[in-house]
Amino acid sequence: MVAHVQKCEDIGEKANKEYFIEKSLKKMKADWVGQNFLTPQFKNTTTNFIAGFEDAANLLDEHIVTGQAMQFSPFKGPFVDEIENWVKKLMTVQETLEEWLKC
């Protein structure tokens, strides 16, 4: 093994960085559990509006940046599809929120 120290270190470093990506993806997904949007009634009308999305919007911005960084990581190999799907979902949520806010 002494003759292969550098190779073992490289493999260990790669595995560590892949584990960090895996752990980050799981954490991001867990952060969204329990995120709710409120749709209270506007005054005495039958119209509702969206409220309480500030925390979600901040979380969304943070996760989009993190997800996009993961897309460019040389260690994303085992998680490429999961990262791509997650970033697409985040972008869809962002677009939907923007449209709701326009209304």
C-alpha atoms as a PDB file:
ATOM      1  CA  MET A   1       0.000   0.000   0.000  1.00  0.00           C
ATOM      2  CA  VAL A   2       2.919   2.337   0.673  1.00  0.00           C
ATOM      3  CA  ALA A   3       3.742   2.245  -3.021  1.00  0.00           C
ATOM      4  CA  HIS A   4       0.220   3.517  -3.799  1.00  0.00           C
ATOM      5  CA  VAL A   5      -0.146   6.248  -1.174  1.00  0.00           C
ATOM      6  CA  GLN A   6      -0.824   9.009  -3.704  1.00  0.00           C
ATOM      7  CA  LYS A   7      -3.462   6.977  -5.515  1.00  0.00           C
ATOM      8  CA  CYS A   8      -5.176   6.110  -2.217  1.00  0.00           C
ATOM      9  CA  GLU A   9      -5.157   9.769  -1.186  1.00  0.00           C
ATOM     10  CA  ASP A  10      -6.681  10.803  -4.516  1.00  0.00           C
ATOM     11  CA  ILE A  11      -9.432   8.196  -4.214  1.00  0.00           C
ATOM     12  CA  GLY A  12     -10.135   9.236  -0.625  1.00  0.00           C
ATOM     13  CA  GLU A  13     -10.326  12.909  -1.595  1.00  0.00           C
ATOM     14  CA  LYS A  14     -12.702  12.151  -4.473  1.00  0.00           C
ATOM     15  CA  ALA A  15     -14.913  10.019  -2.241  1.00  0.00           C
ATOM     16  CA  ASN A  16     -14.999  12.774   0.384  1.00  0.00           C
ATOM     17  CA  LYS A  17     -16.071  15.392  -2.154  1.00  0.00           C
ATOM     18  CA  GLU A  18     -18.726  13.079  -3.608  1.00  0.00           C
ATOM     19  CA  TYR A  19     -20.016  12.443  -0.084  1.00  0.00           C
ATOM     20  CA  PHE A  20     -20.224  16.206   0.509  1.00  0.00           C
ATOM     21  CA  ILE A  21     -22.371  16.583  -2.621  1.00  0.00           C
ATOM     22  CA  GLU A  22     -24.604  13.702  -1.547  1.00  0.00           C
ATOM     23  CA  LYS A  23     -24.984  15.159   1.948  1.00  0.00           C
ATOM     24  CA  SER A  24     -25.706  18.647   0.572  1.00  0.00           C
ATOM     25  CA  LEU A  25     -28.428  17.337  -1.753  1.00  0.00           C
ATOM     26  CA  LYS A  26     -30.107  15.495   1.113  1.00  0.00           C
ATOM     27  CA  LYS A  27     -29.952  18.582   3.320  1.00  0.00           C
ATOM     28  CA  MET A  28     -31.420  20.834   0.634  1.00  0.00           C
ATOM     29  CA  LYS A  29     -34.317  18.442   0.094  1.00  0.00           C
ATOM     30  CA  ALA A  30     -34.920  18.168   3.835  1.00  0.00           C
ATOM     31  CA  ASP A  31     -34.939  21.974   4.137  1.00  0.00           C
ATOM     32  CA  TRP A  32     -38.031  22.105   1.911  1.00  0.00           C
ATOM     33  CA  VAL A  33     -40.053  19.724   4.058  1.00  0.00           C
ATOM     34  CA  GLY A  34     -42.483  21.874   5.989  1.00  0.00           C
ATOM     35  CA  GLN A  35     -42.066  24.973   3.830  1.00  0.00           C
ATOM     36  CA  ASN A  36     -45.561  26.350   3.421  1.00  0.00           C
ATOM     37  CA  PHE A  37     -47.071  29.257   1.592  1.00  0.00           C
ATOM     38  CA  LEU A  38     -49.991  31.062   3.140  1.00  0.00           C
ATOM     39  CA  THR A  39     -52.969  32.095   1.038  1.00  0.00           C
ATOM     40  CA  PRO A  40     -54.991  34.352   3.313  1.00  0.00           C
ATOM     41  CA  GLN A  41     -58.223  35.969   2.223  1.00  0.00           C
ATOM     42  CA  PHE A  42     -57.947  39.574   1.057  1.00  0.00           C
ATOM     43  CA  LYS A  43     -60.043  41.727   3.388  1.00  0.00           C
ATOM     44  CA  ASN A  44     -63.727  40.790   3.121  1.00  0.00           C
ATOM     45  CA  THR A  45     -63.531  39.354  -0.385  1.00  0.00           C
ATOM     46  CA  THR A  46     -63.406  35.855  -1.808  1.00  0.00           C
ATOM     47  CA  THR A  47     -59.949  36.594  -3.235  1.00  0.00           C
ATOM     48  CA  ASN A  48     -56.851  35.054  -1.727  1.00  0.00           C
ATOM     49  CA  PHE A  49     -53.252  36.211  -2.020  1.00  0.00           C
ATOM     50  CA  ILE A  50     -49.913  34.587  -1.368  1.00  0.00           C
ATOM     51  CA  ALA A  51     -48.025  35.477   1.786  1.00  0.00           C
ATOM     52  CA  GLY A  52     -45.271  34.122   3.969  1.00  0.00           C
ATOM     53  CA  PHE A  53     -42.912  33.279   1.147  1.00  0.00           C
ATOM     54  CA  GLU A  54     -39.964  35.450   2.195  1.00  0.00           C
ATOM     55  CA  ASP A  55     -38.167  32.613   3.988  1.00  0.00           C
ATOM     56  CA  ALA A  56     -38.842  30.264   1.098  1.00  0.00           C
ATOM     57  CA  ALA A  57     -37.554  32.830  -1.407  1.00  0.00           C
ATOM     58  CA  ASN A  58     -34.308  33.219   0.538  1.00  0.00           C
ATOM     59  CA  LEU A  59     -33.924  29.457   0.816  1.00  0.00           C
ATOM     60  CA  LEU A  60     -34.681  29.127  -2.881  1.00  0.00           C
ATOM     61  CA  ASP A  61     -31.982  31.634  -3.863  1.00  0.00           C
ATOM     62  CA  GLU A  62     -29.434  29.870  -1.664  1.00  0.00           C
ATOM     63  CA  HIS A  63     -30.299  26.430  -3.030  1.00  0.00           C
ATOM     64  CA  ILE A  64     -30.218  27.550  -6.651  1.00  0.00           C
ATOM     65  CA  VAL A  65     -26.691  28.901  -6.199  1.00  0.00           C
ATOM     66  CA  THR A  66     -25.616  25.708  -4.402  1.00  0.00           C
ATOM     67  CA  GLY A  67     -27.242  23.483  -7.026  1.00  0.00           C
ATOM     68  CA  GLN A  68     -25.651  25.381  -9.890  1.00  0.00           C
ATOM     69  CA  ALA A  69     -22.250  25.097  -8.205  1.00  0.00           C
ATOM     70  CA  MET A  70     -22.788  21.344  -7.934  1.00  0.00           C
ATOM     71  CA  GLN A  71     -23.525  21.195 -11.658  1.00  0.00           C
ATOM     72  CA  PHE A  72     -19.985  22.394 -12.348  1.00  0.00           C
ATOM     73  CA  SER A  73     -18.264  20.185  -9.791  1.00  0.00           C
ATOM     74  CA  PRO A  74     -15.848  17.628 -11.215  1.00  0.00           C
ATOM     75  CA  PHE A  75     -17.102  15.275  -8.469  1.00  0.00           C
ATOM     76  CA  LYS A  76     -20.775  15.299  -9.466  1.00  0.00           C
ATOM     77  CA  GLY A  77     -20.512  12.028 -11.434  1.00  0.00           C
ATOM     78  CA  PRO A  78     -22.745   9.741  -9.362  1.00  0.00           C
ATOM     79  CA  PHE A  79     -25.297  12.513  -8.807  1.00  0.00           C
ATOM     80  CA  VAL A  80     -25.573  14.187 -12.221  1.00  0.00           C
ATOM     81  CA  ASP A  81     -29.202  13.247 -12.838  1.00  0.00           C
ATOM     82  CA  GLU A  82     -30.267  14.029  -9.283  1.00  0.00           C
ATOM     83  CA  ILE A  83     -28.551  17.427  -9.378  1.00  0.00           C
ATOM     84  CA  GLU A  84     -30.073  18.284 -12.764  1.00  0.00           C
ATOM     85  CA  ASN A  85     -33.572  17.302 -11.620  1.00  0.00           C
ATOM     86  CA  TRP A  86     -33.217  19.221  -8.363  1.00  0.00           C
ATOM     87  CA  VAL A  87     -32.020  22.405 -10.063  1.00  0.00           C
ATOM     88  CA  LYS A  88     -34.885  22.153 -12.584  1.00  0.00           C
ATOM     89  CA  LYS A  89     -37.389  21.872  -9.731  1.00  0.00           C
ATOM     90  CA  LEU A  90     -35.865  24.859  -7.972  1.00  0.00           C
ATOM     91  CA  MET A  91     -35.992  26.919 -11.153  1.00  0.00           C
ATOM     92  CA  THR A  92     -39.653  25.963 -11.657  1.00  0.00           C
ATOM     93  CA  VAL A  93     -40.452  27.052  -8.115  1.00  0.00           C
ATOM     94  CA  GLN A  94     -38.620  30.329  -8.702  1.00  0.00           C
ATOM     95  CA  GLU A  95     -40.499  31.008 -11.942  1.00  0.00           C
ATOM     96  CA  THR A  96     -43.826  30.150 -10.290  1.00  0.00           C
ATOM     97  CA  LEU A  97     -43.136  32.476  -7.360  1.00  0.00           C
ATOM     98  CA  GLU A  98     -42.222  35.290  -9.732  1.00  0.00           C
ATOM     99  CA  GLU A  99     -45.471  34.841 -11.637  1.00  0.00           C
ATOM    100  CA  TRP A 100     -47.508  34.736  -8.412  1.00  0.00           C
ATOM    101  CA  LEU A 101     -45.870  37.949  -7.275  1.00  0.00           C
ATOM    102  CA  LYS A 102     -46.810  39.629 -10.548  1.00  0.00           C
ATOM    103  CA  CYS A 103     -50.430  38.804  -9.884  1.00  0.00           C
END
